[in-house]
Structures are given as structure tokens and as C-alpha cells.
């Protein structure tokens, strides 16, 4: 789950940058919308509006998950992501970070064969 200020903008980011597919849209209490996007057949992100989380789960409303994605197409993904940072090596694994539209950082690591 990720909590964002603008759900639609973040759905657009994940679908355009990662080719994610919208799996479901759910209407929540108060008319808020939660959108689930599939990054791959194994990974889905559930995107919630922070305003909703502040009301119903205020203790976690400002948490940003620390996510690391492992990619077989590491170099291609690095070249295609507009916000991709510098490639670095961490304990023998190539990684780079990227930002979502709200400035949250995530990491991509090169899959190990």
C-alpha cells in the first residue's frame, strides 16, 4: 500500500512508467477512491489517498514504504524512467533509485541470475 496526495496522478505514473495495469477501483467511505495497479503478475500496489488514511488510520498516514523492485530489464528500465538516479553498486548488486510524482524514492536492483 502507498498513501499519496493525488491518486490519479500516481496511477498515471505507475501505468506509464512501469506499464502497470489498473486491476480495480474501489470507492471507500466518504467517496474516496483506492486504486489497485498490477506492476507484474506477482506484484500489485494499492494506492490510497492520504486524506482517507488520515481519517481512518492516522497513525500510518505519513508512512512511505521502502520498496525495492528487482528487474531483469534493469538497464532498459534505467534508460526509460525519467526520474532514474545514478546506477550504483551495493554489496555486488547494481541499483538505482527513482522518484514518484510526489517525490517519494524507491529502488530498482538488477535481478541476479
PDB file of N, CA and C in Angstrom:
ATOM      1  N   UNK A   1       0.846  -1.179   0.000  1.00  0.00           N
ATOM      2  CA  UNK A   1       0.000   0.000   0.000  1.00  0.00           C
ATOM      3  C   UNK A   1       0.888   1.237   0.000  1.00  0.00           C
ATOM      4  N   UNK A   2       0.488   2.209  -0.785  1.00  0.00           N
ATOM      5  CA  UNK A   2       1.153   3.503  -0.717  1.00  0.00           C
ATOM      6  C   UNK A   2       0.081   4.568  -0.542  1.00  0.00           C
ATOM      7  N   UNK A   3       0.424   5.588   0.242  1.00  0.00           N
ATOM      8  CA  UNK A   3      -0.501   6.674   0.552  1.00  0.00           C
ATOM      9  C   UNK A   3      -0.010   7.933  -0.150  1.00  0.00           C
ATOM     10  N   UNK A   4      -0.892   8.544  -0.939  1.00  0.00           N
ATOM     11  CA  UNK A   4      -0.493   9.671  -1.778  1.00  0.00           C
ATOM     12  C   UNK A   4      -1.497  10.807  -1.684  1.00  0.00           C
ATOM     13  N   UNK A   5      -1.067  11.983  -2.094  1.00  0.00           N
ATOM     14  CA  UNK A   5      -1.963  13.132  -2.125  1.00  0.00           C
ATOM     15  C   UNK A   5      -2.886  13.079  -3.343  1.00  0.00           C
ATOM     16  N   UNK A   6      -2.374  12.598  -4.468  1.00  0.00           N
ATOM     17  CA  UNK A   6      -3.137  12.585  -5.709  1.00  0.00           C
ATOM     18  C   UNK A   6      -3.122  11.166  -6.298  1.00  0.00           C
ATOM     19  N   UNK A   7      -4.192  10.428  -6.078  1.00  0.00           N
ATOM     20  CA  UNK A   7      -4.271   9.038  -6.516  1.00  0.00           C
ATOM     21  C   UNK A   7      -4.167   8.940  -8.039  1.00  0.00           C
ATOM     22  N   UNK A   8      -4.929   9.736  -8.765  1.00  0.00           N
ATOM     23  CA  UNK A   8      -4.937   9.648 -10.228  1.00  0.00           C
ATOM     24  C   UNK A   8      -3.563   9.928 -10.822  1.00  0.00           C
ATOM     25  N   UNK A   9      -2.864  10.932 -10.300  1.00  0.00           N
ATOM     26  CA  UNK A   9      -1.538  11.261 -10.798  1.00  0.00           C
ATOM     27  C   UNK A   9      -0.574  10.091 -10.573  1.00  0.00           C
ATOM     28  N   UNK A  10      -0.678   9.439  -9.423  1.00  0.00           N
ATOM     29  CA  UNK A  10       0.201   8.310  -9.128  1.00  0.00           C
ATOM     30  C   UNK A  10      -0.161   7.074  -9.937  1.00  0.00           C
ATOM     31  N   UNK A  11      -1.438   6.844 -10.171  1.00  0.00           N
ATOM     32  CA  UNK A  11      -1.853   5.734 -11.038  1.00  0.00           C
ATOM     33  C   UNK A  11      -1.270   5.964 -12.434  1.00  0.00           C
ATOM     34  N   UNK A  12      -1.359   7.177 -12.925  1.00  0.00           N
ATOM     35  CA  UNK A  12      -0.804   7.508 -14.237  1.00  0.00           C
ATOM     36  C   UNK A  12       0.704   7.244 -14.267  1.00  0.00           C
ATOM     37  N   UNK A  13       1.419   7.628 -13.208  1.00  0.00           N
ATOM     38  CA  UNK A  13       2.863   7.384 -13.130  1.00  0.00           C
ATOM     39  C   UNK A  13       3.182   5.896 -13.236  1.00  0.00           C
ATOM     40  N   UNK A  14       2.543   5.075 -12.413  1.00  0.00           N
ATOM     41  CA  UNK A  14       2.848   3.640 -12.399  1.00  0.00           C
ATOM     42  C   UNK A  14       2.432   2.962 -13.701  1.00  0.00           C
ATOM     43  N   UNK A  15       1.345   3.418 -14.318  1.00  0.00           N
ATOM     44  CA  UNK A  15       0.928   2.791 -15.577  1.00  0.00           C
ATOM     45  C   UNK A  15       1.817   3.235 -16.738  1.00  0.00           C
ATOM     46  N   UNK A  16       2.183   4.503 -16.776  1.00  0.00           N
ATOM     47  CA  UNK A  16       3.006   4.994 -17.883  1.00  0.00           C
ATOM     48  C   UNK A  16       4.467   4.588 -17.746  1.00  0.00           C
ATOM     49  N   UNK A  17       5.037   4.682 -16.557  1.00  0.00           N
ATOM     50  CA  UNK A  17       6.461   4.407 -16.366  1.00  0.00           C
ATOM     51  C   UNK A  17       6.774   2.913 -16.260  1.00  0.00           C
ATOM     52  N   UNK A  18       5.854   2.133 -15.711  1.00  0.00           N
ATOM     53  CA  UNK A  18       6.111   0.713 -15.475  1.00  0.00           C
ATOM     54  C   UNK A  18       5.192  -0.216 -16.254  1.00  0.00           C
ATOM     55  N   UNK A  19       4.274   0.364 -17.019  1.00  0.00           N
ATOM     56  CA  UNK A  19       3.344  -0.474 -17.762  1.00  0.00           C
ATOM     57  C   UNK A  19       2.358  -1.203 -16.864  1.00  0.00           C
ATOM     58  N   UNK A  20       2.142  -0.680 -15.666  1.00  0.00           N
ATOM     59  CA  UNK A  20       1.197  -1.299 -14.729  1.00  0.00           C
ATOM     60  C   UNK A  20      -0.212  -1.236 -15.311  1.00  0.00           C
ATOM     61  N   UNK A  21      -1.030  -2.165 -14.888  1.00  0.00           N
ATOM     62  CA  UNK A  21      -2.430  -2.217 -15.314  1.00  0.00           C
ATOM     63  C   UNK A  21      -3.332  -1.946 -14.115  1.00  0.00           C
ATOM     64  N   UNK A  22      -4.395  -1.178 -14.325  1.00  0.00           N
ATOM     65  CA  UNK A  22      -5.366  -0.953 -13.257  1.00  0.00           C
ATOM     66  C   UNK A  22      -6.142  -2.251 -13.065  1.00  0.00           C
ATOM     67  N   UNK A  23      -6.066  -2.800 -11.870  1.00  0.00           N
ATOM     68  CA  UNK A  23      -6.734  -4.057 -11.530  1.00  0.00           C
ATOM     69  C   UNK A  23      -8.136  -3.778 -10.987  1.00  0.00           C
ATOM     70  N   UNK A  24      -8.228  -2.751 -10.133  1.00  0.00           N
ATOM     71  CA  UNK A  24      -9.527  -2.442  -9.516  1.00  0.00           C
ATOM     72  C   UNK A  24      -9.543  -1.000  -9.030  1.00  0.00           C
ATOM     73  N   UNK A  25     -10.728  -0.446  -9.018  1.00  0.00           N
ATOM     74  CA  UNK A  25     -11.007   0.863  -8.393  1.00  0.00           C
ATOM     75  C   UNK A  25     -12.073   0.602  -7.350  1.00  0.00           C
ATOM     76  N   UNK A  26     -11.810   1.044  -6.147  1.00  0.00           N
ATOM     77  CA  UNK A  26     -12.757   0.811  -5.058  1.00  0.00           C
ATOM     78  C   UNK A  26     -13.171   2.147  -4.458  1.00  0.00           C
ATOM     79  N   UNK A  27     -14.466   2.315  -4.277  1.00  0.00           N
ATOM     80  CA  UNK A  27     -14.956   3.508  -3.595  1.00  0.00           C
ATOM     81  C   UNK A  27     -14.961   3.225  -2.102  1.00  0.00           C
ATOM     82  N   UNK A  28     -14.339   4.120  -1.351  1.00  0.00           N
ATOM     83  CA  UNK A  28     -14.199   3.980   0.097  1.00  0.00           C
ATOM     84  C   UNK A  28     -15.188   4.903   0.802  1.00  0.00           C
ATOM     85  N   UNK A  29     -15.276   4.783   2.116  1.00  0.00           N
ATOM     86  CA  UNK A  29     -16.101   5.702   2.907  1.00  0.00           C
ATOM     87  C   UNK A  29     -15.749   7.137   2.553  1.00  0.00           C
ATOM     88  N   UNK A  30     -16.744   7.985   2.521  1.00  0.00           N
ATOM     89  CA  UNK A  30     -16.524   9.400   2.244  1.00  0.00           C
ATOM     90  C   UNK A  30     -16.318   9.714   0.775  1.00  0.00           C
ATOM     91  N   UNK A  31     -16.505   8.719  -0.096  1.00  0.00           N
ATOM     92  CA  UNK A  31     -16.351   8.946  -1.524  1.00  0.00           C
ATOM     93  C   UNK A  31     -14.921   8.895  -2.026  1.00  0.00           C
ATOM     94  N   UNK A  32     -13.983   8.539  -1.164  1.00  0.00           N
ATOM     95  CA  UNK A  32     -12.590   8.427  -1.589  1.00  0.00           C
ATOM     96  C   UNK A  32     -12.421   7.222  -2.504  1.00  0.00           C
ATOM     97  N   UNK A  33     -11.370   7.247  -3.319  1.00  0.00           N
ATOM     98  CA  UNK A  33     -11.079   6.148  -4.238  1.00  0.00           C
ATOM     99  C   UNK A  33      -9.741   5.504  -3.902  1.00  0.00           C
ATOM    100  N   UNK A  34      -9.716   4.188  -3.907  1.00  0.00           N
ATOM    101  CA  UNK A  34      -8.496   3.381  -3.798  1.00  0.00           C
ATOM    102  C   UNK A  34      -8.335   2.696  -5.142  1.00  0.00           C
ATOM    103  N   UNK A  35      -7.114   2.717  -5.688  1.00  0.00           N
ATOM    104  CA  UNK A  35      -6.863   2.075  -6.969  1.00  0.00           C
ATOM    105  C   UNK A  35      -5.755   1.047  -6.785  1.00  0.00           C
ATOM    106  N   UNK A  36      -5.999  -0.146  -7.308  1.00  0.00           N
ATOM    107  CA  UNK A  36      -5.002  -1.209  -7.260  1.00  0.00           C
ATOM    108  C   UNK A  36      -4.425  -1.349  -8.662  1.00  0.00           C
ATOM    109  N   UNK A  37      -3.091  -1.258  -8.757  1.00  0.00           N
ATOM    110  CA  UNK A  37      -2.414  -1.425 -10.038  1.00  0.00           C
ATOM    111  C   UNK A  37      -1.509  -2.643  -9.967  1.00  0.00           C
ATOM    112  N   UNK A  38      -1.482  -3.392 -11.044  1.00  0.00           N
ATOM    113  CA  UNK A  38      -0.613  -4.557 -11.137  1.00  0.00           C
ATOM    114  C   UNK A  38       0.681  -4.183 -11.830  1.00  0.00           C
ATOM    115  N   UNK A  39       1.796  -4.286 -11.101  1.00  0.00           N
ATOM    116  CA  UNK A  39       3.112  -3.999 -11.660  1.00  0.00           C
ATOM    117  C   UNK A  39       3.583  -5.205 -12.481  1.00  0.00           C
ATOM    118  N   UNK A  40       3.295  -6.389 -11.974  1.00  0.00           N
ATOM    119  CA  UNK A  40       3.579  -7.648 -12.660  1.00  0.00           C
ATOM    120  C   UNK A  40       2.511  -8.633 -12.212  1.00  0.00           C
ATOM    121  N   UNK A  41       2.603  -9.875 -12.677  1.00  0.00           N
ATOM    122  CA  UNK A  41       1.587 -10.837 -12.251  1.00  0.00           C
ATOM    123  C   UNK A  41       1.736 -11.192 -10.777  1.00  0.00           C
ATOM    124  N   UNK A  42       2.903 -10.910 -10.186  1.00  0.00           N
ATOM    125  CA  UNK A  42       3.116 -11.199  -8.767  1.00  0.00           C
ATOM    126  C   UNK A  42       2.954  -9.985  -7.849  1.00  0.00           C
ATOM    127  N   UNK A  43       3.013  -8.770  -8.403  1.00  0.00           N
ATOM    128  CA  UNK A  43       3.072  -7.568  -7.564  1.00  0.00           C
ATOM    129  C   UNK A  43       1.954  -6.602  -7.905  1.00  0.00           C
ATOM    130  N   UNK A  44       1.209  -6.202  -6.879  1.00  0.00           N
ATOM    131  CA  UNK A  44       0.184  -5.174  -7.010  1.00  0.00           C
ATOM    132  C   UNK A  44       0.437  -4.097  -5.961  1.00  0.00           C
ATOM    133  N   UNK A  45       0.190  -2.850  -6.329  1.00  0.00           N
ATOM    134  CA  UNK A  45       0.244  -1.736  -5.389  1.00  0.00           C
ATOM    135  C   UNK A  45      -1.171  -1.223  -5.174  1.00  0.00           C
ATOM    136  N   UNK A  46      -1.530  -1.030  -3.931  1.00  0.00           N
ATOM    137  CA  UNK A  46      -2.824  -0.475  -3.588  1.00  0.00           C
ATOM    138  C   UNK A  46      -2.593   0.982  -3.206  1.00  0.00           C
ATOM    139  N   UNK A  47      -3.107   1.894  -4.017  1.00  0.00           N
ATOM    140  CA  UNK A  47      -2.841   3.323  -3.861  1.00  0.00           C
ATOM    141  C   UNK A  47      -4.033   3.984  -3.174  1.00  0.00           C
ATOM    142  N   UNK A  48      -3.780   4.524  -1.979  1.00  0.00           N
ATOM    143  CA  UNK A  48      -4.817   5.154  -1.169  1.00  0.00           C
ATOM    144  C   UNK A  48      -4.572   6.654  -1.061  1.00  0.00           C
ATOM    145  N   UNK A  49      -5.642   7.451  -0.995  1.00  0.00           N
ATOM    146  CA  UNK A  49      -5.463   8.883  -0.746  1.00  0.00           C
ATOM    147  C   UNK A  49      -5.089   9.121   0.725  1.00  0.00           C
ATOM    148  N   UNK A  50      -4.094   9.984   0.935  1.00  0.00           N
ATOM    149  CA  UNK A  50      -3.661  10.305   2.303  1.00  0.00           C
ATOM    150  C   UNK A  50      -4.802  10.880   3.134  1.00  0.00           C
ATOM    151  N   UNK A  51      -5.666  11.677   2.517  1.00  0.00           N
ATOM    152  CA  UNK A  51      -6.781  12.268   3.274  1.00  0.00           C
ATOM    153  C   UNK A  51      -7.646  11.187   3.910  1.00  0.00           C
ATOM    154  N   UNK A  52      -7.893  10.118   3.179  1.00  0.00           N
ATOM    155  CA  UNK A  52      -8.682   8.999   3.707  1.00  0.00           C
ATOM    156  C   UNK A  52      -7.929   8.313   4.853  1.00  0.00           C
ATOM    157  N   UNK A  53      -6.647   8.059   4.652  1.00  0.00           N
ATOM    158  CA  UNK A  53      -5.839   7.385   5.677  1.00  0.00           C
ATOM    159  C   UNK A  53      -5.732   8.246   6.931  1.00  0.00           C
ATOM    160  N   UNK A  54      -5.634   9.554   6.768  1.00  0.00           N
ATOM    161  CA  UNK A  54      -5.563  10.452   7.944  1.00  0.00           C
ATOM    162  C   UNK A  54      -6.813  10.324   8.812  1.00  0.00           C
ATOM    163  N   UNK A  55      -7.961  10.048   8.189  1.00  0.00           N
ATOM    164  CA  UNK A  55      -9.221   9.907   8.929  1.00  0.00           C
ATOM    165  C   UNK A  55      -9.330   8.528   9.574  1.00  0.00           C
ATOM    166  N   UNK A  56      -9.033   7.477   8.805  1.00  0.00           N
ATOM    167  CA  UNK A  56      -9.317   6.118   9.250  1.00  0.00           C
ATOM    168  C   UNK A  56      -8.119   5.367   9.836  1.00  0.00           C
ATOM    169  N   UNK A  57      -6.906   5.803   9.540  1.00  0.00           N
ATOM    170  CA  UNK A  57      -5.693   5.184  10.113  1.00  0.00           C
ATOM    171  C   UNK A  57      -4.618   6.246  10.291  1.00  0.00           C
ATOM    172  N   UNK A  58      -4.884   7.261  11.131  1.00  0.00           N
ATOM    173  CA  UNK A  58      -3.957   8.391  11.216  1.00  0.00           C
ATOM    174  C   UNK A  58      -2.540   8.011  11.655  1.00  0.00           C
ATOM    175  N   UNK A  59      -2.408   6.899  12.348  1.00  0.00           N
ATOM    176  CA  UNK A  59      -1.080   6.503  12.827  1.00  0.00           C
ATOM    177  C   UNK A  59      -0.128   6.117  11.702  1.00  0.00           C
ATOM    178  N   UNK A  60      -0.639   5.829  10.517  1.00  0.00           N
ATOM    179  CA  UNK A  60       0.227   5.437   9.398  1.00  0.00           C
ATOM    180  C   UNK A  60       0.122   6.381   8.199  1.00  0.00           C
ATOM    181  N   UNK A  61      -0.601   7.472   8.344  1.00  0.00           N
ATOM    182  CA  UNK A  61      -0.911   8.316   7.190  1.00  0.00           C
ATOM    183  C   UNK A  61       0.305   8.942   6.522  1.00  0.00           C
ATOM    184  N   UNK A  62       1.374   9.136   7.243  1.00  0.00           N
ATOM    185  CA  UNK A  62       2.551   9.783   6.656  1.00  0.00           C
ATOM    186  C   UNK A  62       3.674   8.788   6.359  1.00  0.00           C
ATOM    187  N   UNK A  63       3.403   7.502   6.516  1.00  0.00           N
ATOM    188  CA  UNK A  63       4.415   6.486   6.219  1.00  0.00           C
ATOM    189  C   UNK A  63       4.608   6.348   4.714  1.00  0.00           C
ATOM    190  N   UNK A  64       5.859   6.275   4.307  1.00  0.00           N
ATOM    191  CA  UNK A  64       6.195   5.993   2.916  1.00  0.00           C
ATOM    192  C   UNK A  64       6.901   4.641   2.918  1.00  0.00           C
ATOM    193  N   UNK A  65       6.422   3.697   2.121  1.00  0.00           N
ATOM    194  CA  UNK A  65       7.059   2.381   2.138  1.00  0.00           C
ATOM    195  C   UNK A  65       8.459   2.436   1.535  1.00  0.00           C
ATOM    196  N   UNK A  66       9.299   1.578   2.007  1.00  0.00           N
ATOM    197  CA  UNK A  66      10.632   1.430   1.445  1.00  0.00           C
ATOM    198  C   UNK A  66      10.579   0.206   0.537  1.00  0.00           C
ATOM    199  N   UNK A  67      10.407   0.447  -0.758  1.00  0.00           N
ATOM    200  CA  UNK A  67      10.235  -0.639  -1.712  1.00  0.00           C
ATOM    201  C   UNK A  67      11.468  -0.774  -2.600  1.00  0.00           C
ATOM    202  N   UNK A  68      11.861  -2.028  -2.827  1.00  0.00           N
ATOM    203  CA  UNK A  68      12.910  -2.326  -3.786  1.00  0.00           C
ATOM    204  C   UNK A  68      12.334  -3.298  -4.797  1.00  0.00           C
ATOM    205  N   UNK A  69      12.446  -2.930  -6.067  1.00  0.00           N
ATOM    206  CA  UNK A  69      11.986  -3.778  -7.153  1.00  0.00           C
ATOM    207  C   UNK A  69      13.205  -4.434  -7.791  1.00  0.00           C
ATOM    208  N   UNK A  70      13.100  -5.711  -8.121  1.00  0.00           N
ATOM    209  CA  UNK A  70      14.166  -6.412  -8.824  1.00  0.00           C
ATOM    210  C   UNK A  70      13.729  -6.562 -10.274  1.00  0.00           C
ATOM    211  N   UNK A  71      14.613  -6.210 -11.207  1.00  0.00           N
ATOM    212  CA  UNK A  71      14.236  -6.187 -12.616  1.00  0.00           C
ATOM    213  C   UNK A  71      15.236  -6.949 -13.477  1.00  0.00           C
ATOM    214  N   UNK A  72      14.698  -7.768 -14.380  1.00  0.00           N
ATOM    215  CA  UNK A  72      15.527  -8.434 -15.382  1.00  0.00           C
ATOM    216  C   UNK A  72      15.959  -7.427 -16.449  1.00  0.00           C
ATOM    217  N   UNK A  73      15.086  -6.475 -16.752  1.00  0.00           N
ATOM    218  CA  UNK A  73      15.365  -5.460 -17.773  1.00  0.00           C
ATOM    219  C   UNK A  73      15.923  -4.185 -17.121  1.00  0.00           C
ATOM    220  N   UNK A  74      16.853  -4.357 -16.207  1.00  0.00           N
ATOM    221  CA  UNK A  74      17.417  -3.293 -15.383  1.00  0.00           C
ATOM    222  C   UNK A  74      17.908  -2.102 -16.212  1.00  0.00           C
ATOM    223  N   UNK A  75      18.788  -2.363 -17.194  1.00  0.00           N
ATOM    224  CA  UNK A  75      19.369  -1.268 -17.982  1.00  0.00           C
ATOM    225  C   UNK A  75      18.307  -0.533 -18.795  1.00  0.00           C
ATOM    226  N   UNK A  76      17.399  -1.277 -19.391  1.00  0.00           N
ATOM    227  CA  UNK A  76      16.325  -0.664 -20.166  1.00  0.00           C
ATOM    228  C   UNK A  76      15.442   0.196 -19.266  1.00  0.00           C
ATOM    229  N   UNK A  77      15.105  -0.328 -18.100  1.00  0.00           N
ATOM    230  CA  UNK A  77      14.268   0.420 -17.162  1.00  0.00           C
ATOM    231  C   UNK A  77      14.975   1.702 -16.724  1.00  0.00           C
ATOM    232  N   UNK A  78      16.270   1.606 -16.450  1.00  0.00           N
ATOM    233  CA  UNK A  78      17.028   2.795 -16.064  1.00  0.00           C
ATOM    234  C   UNK A  78      16.983   3.848 -17.168  1.00  0.00           C
ATOM    235  N   UNK A  79      17.136   3.406 -18.415  1.00  0.00           N
ATOM    236  CA  UNK A  79      17.126   4.340 -19.543  1.00  0.00           C
ATOM    237  C   UNK A  79      15.755   4.969 -19.764  1.00  0.00           C
ATOM    238  N   UNK A  80      14.690   4.241 -19.453  1.00  0.00           N
ATOM    239  CA  UNK A  80      13.334   4.718 -19.742  1.00  0.00           C
ATOM    240  C   UNK A  80      12.710   5.553 -18.633  1.00  0.00           C
ATOM    241  N   UNK A  81      13.100   5.314 -17.381  1.00  0.00           N
ATOM    242  CA  UNK A  81      12.494   6.065 -16.274  1.00  0.00           C
ATOM    243  C   UNK A  81      13.039   7.489 -16.252  1.00  0.00           C
ATOM    244  N   UNK A  82      12.151   8.456 -16.346  1.00  0.00           N
ATOM    245  CA  UNK A  82      12.567   9.855 -16.378  1.00  0.00           C
ATOM    246  C   UNK A  82      13.296  10.283 -15.106  1.00  0.00           C
ATOM    247  N   UNK A  83      12.897   9.728 -13.977  1.00  0.00           N
ATOM    248  CA  UNK A  83      13.481  10.159 -12.702  1.00  0.00           C
ATOM    249  C   UNK A  83      14.562   9.216 -12.192  1.00  0.00           C
ATOM    250  N   UNK A  84      15.076   8.325 -13.051  1.00  0.00           N
ATOM    251  CA  UNK A  84      16.085   7.355 -12.612  1.00  0.00           C
ATOM    252  C   UNK A  84      17.352   8.067 -12.163  1.00  0.00           C
ATOM    253  N   UNK A  85      17.855   7.639 -11.004  1.00  0.00           N
ATOM    254  CA  UNK A  85      19.107   8.178 -10.486  1.00  0.00           C
ATOM    255  C   UNK A  85      20.300   7.417 -11.039  1.00  0.00           C
ATOM    256  N   UNK A  86      21.450   7.759 -10.534  1.00  0.00           N
ATOM    257  CA  UNK A  86      22.703   7.136 -10.949  1.00  0.00           C
ATOM    258  C   UNK A  86      22.726   5.657 -10.552  1.00  0.00           C
ATOM    259  N   UNK A  87      23.293   4.827 -11.406  1.00  0.00           N
ATOM    260  CA  UNK A  87      23.464   3.408 -11.078  1.00  0.00           C
ATOM    261  C   UNK A  87      24.651   3.275 -10.129  1.00  0.00           C
ATOM    262  N   UNK A  88      24.410   2.570  -9.036  1.00  0.00           N
ATOM    263  CA  UNK A  88      25.468   2.323  -8.061  1.00  0.00           C
ATOM    264  C   UNK A  88      25.500   0.833  -7.733  1.00  0.00           C
ATOM    265  N   UNK A  89      26.602   0.406  -7.157  1.00  0.00           N
ATOM    266  CA  UNK A  89      26.739  -0.985  -6.746  1.00  0.00           C
ATOM    267  C   UNK A  89      26.663  -1.055  -5.229  1.00  0.00           C
ATOM    268  N   UNK A  90      25.780  -1.899  -4.729  1.00  0.00           N
ATOM    269  CA  UNK A  90      25.608  -2.085  -3.290  1.00  0.00           C
ATOM    270  C   UNK A  90      25.777  -3.574  -3.001  1.00  0.00           C
ATOM    271  N   UNK A  91      26.827  -3.915  -2.297  1.00  0.00           N
ATOM    272  CA  UNK A  91      27.119  -5.315  -1.978  1.00  0.00           C
ATOM    273  C   UNK A  91      27.094  -6.205  -3.217  1.00  0.00           C
ATOM    274  N   UNK A  92      27.685  -5.721  -4.294  1.00  0.00           N
ATOM    275  CA  UNK A  92      27.776  -6.502  -5.513  1.00  0.00           C
ATOM    276  C   UNK A  92      26.529  -6.498  -6.382  1.00  0.00           C
ATOM    277  N   UNK A  93      25.511  -5.722  -6.016  1.00  0.00           N
ATOM    278  CA  UNK A  93      24.260  -5.655  -6.778  1.00  0.00           C
ATOM    279  C   UNK A  93      24.107  -4.251  -7.346  1.00  0.00           C
ATOM    280  N   UNK A  94      23.836  -4.161  -8.642  1.00  0.00           N
ATOM    281  CA  UNK A  94      23.602  -2.860  -9.265  1.00  0.00           C
ATOM    282  C   UNK A  94      22.211  -2.357  -8.899  1.00  0.00           C
ATOM    283  N   UNK A  95      22.131  -1.091  -8.509  1.00  0.00           N
ATOM    284  CA  UNK A  95      20.865  -0.480  -8.118  1.00  0.00           C
ATOM    285  C   UNK A  95      20.787   0.956  -8.638  1.00  0.00           C
ATOM    286  N   UNK A  96      19.566   1.463  -8.705  1.00  0.00           N
ATOM    287  CA  UNK A  96      19.337   2.891  -8.904  1.00  0.00           C
ATOM    288  C   UNK A  96      18.019   3.250  -8.233  1.00  0.00           C
ATOM    289  N   UNK A  97      17.878   4.522  -7.889  1.00  0.00           N
ATOM    290  CA  UNK A  97      16.615   4.943  -7.298  1.00  0.00           C
ATOM    291  C   UNK A  97      15.812   5.736  -8.325  1.00  0.00           C
ATOM    292  N   UNK A  98      14.553   5.946  -8.008  1.00  0.00           N
ATOM    293  CA  UNK A  98      13.681   6.777  -8.832  1.00  0.00           C
ATOM    294  C   UNK A  98      12.653   7.409  -7.920  1.00  0.00           C
ATOM    295  N   UNK A  99      12.041   8.488  -8.406  1.00  0.00           N
ATOM    296  CA  UNK A  99      11.015   9.212  -7.653  1.00  0.00           C
ATOM    297  C   UNK A  99       9.657   9.039  -8.301  1.00  0.00           C
ATOM    298  N   UNK A 100       8.625   8.967  -7.440  1.00  0.00           N
ATOM    299  CA  UNK A 100       7.263   9.049  -7.961  1.00  0.00           C
ATOM    300  C   UNK A 100       6.919  10.530  -8.093  1.00  0.00           C
ATOM    301  N   UNK A 101       5.729  10.883  -8.591  1.00  0.00           N
ATOM    302  CA  UNK A 101       5.393  12.297  -8.809  1.00  0.00           C
ATOM    303  C   UNK A 101       5.330  13.131  -7.535  1.00  0.00           C
ATOM    304  N   UNK A 102       5.245  12.480  -6.378  1.00  0.00           N
ATOM    305  CA  UNK A 102       5.165  13.223  -5.123  1.00  0.00           C
ATOM    306  C   UNK A 102       6.505  13.285  -4.399  1.00  0.00           C
ATOM    307  N   UNK A 103       7.573  12.830  -5.072  1.00  0.00           N
ATOM    308  CA  UNK A 103       8.912  12.939  -4.502  1.00  0.00           C
ATOM    309  C   UNK A 103       9.338  11.785  -3.623  1.00  0.00           C
ATOM    310  N   UNK A 104       8.568  10.707  -3.569  1.00  0.00           N
ATOM    311  CA  UNK A 104       8.953   9.532  -2.794  1.00  0.00           C
ATOM    312  C   UNK A 104       9.958   8.715  -3.600  1.00  0.00           C
ATOM    313  N   UNK A 105      10.996   8.231  -2.923  1.00  0.00           N
ATOM    314  CA  UNK A 105      12.035   7.440  -3.595  1.00  0.00           C
ATOM    315  C   UNK A 105      11.808   5.951  -3.420  1.00  0.00           C
ATOM    316  N   UNK A 106      12.106   5.198  -4.485  1.00  0.00           N
ATOM    317  CA  UNK A 106      12.067   3.758  -4.484  1.00  0.00           C
ATOM    318  C   UNK A 106      13.340   3.272  -5.171  1.00  0.00           C
ATOM    319  N   UNK A 107      13.652   1.992  -5.059  1.00  0.00           N
ATOM    320  CA  UNK A 107      14.904   1.463  -5.612  1.00  0.00           C
ATOM    321  C   UNK A 107      14.610   0.317  -6.560  1.00  0.00           C
ATOM    322  N   UNK A 108      15.410   0.232  -7.616  1.00  0.00           N
ATOM    323  CA  UNK A 108      15.393  -0.906  -8.525  1.00  0.00           C
ATOM    324  C   UNK A 108      16.763  -1.567  -8.430  1.00  0.00           C
ATOM    325  N   UNK A 109      16.773  -2.890  -8.290  1.00  0.00           N
ATOM    326  CA  UNK A 109      18.016  -3.660  -8.268  1.00  0.00           C
ATOM    327  C   UNK A 109      18.028  -4.601  -9.462  1.00  0.00           C
ATOM    328  N   UNK A 110      19.216  -4.871  -9.977  1.00  0.00           N
ATOM    329  CA  UNK A 110      19.335  -5.801 -11.095  1.00  0.00           C
ATOM    330  C   UNK A 110      19.154  -7.214 -10.586  1.00  0.00           C
ATOM    331  N   UNK A 111      18.238  -7.941 -11.217  1.00  0.00           N
ATOM    332  CA  UNK A 111      17.995  -9.335 -10.824  1.00  0.00           C
ATOM    333  C   UNK A 111      19.280 -10.124 -10.989  1.00  0.00           C
ATOM    334  N   UNK A 112      19.529 -11.000 -10.029  1.00  0.00           N
ATOM    335  CA  UNK A 112      20.695 -11.879 -10.074  1.00  0.00           C
ATOM    336  C   UNK A 112      20.307 -13.180 -10.727  1.00  0.00           C
ATOM    337  N   UNK A 113      21.053 -13.614 -11.710  1.00  0.00           N
ATOM    338  CA  UNK A 113      20.745 -14.873 -12.414  1.00  0.00           C
ATOM    339  C   UNK A 113      21.129 -16.066 -11.604  1.00  0.00           C
TER     340      UNK A 113
END
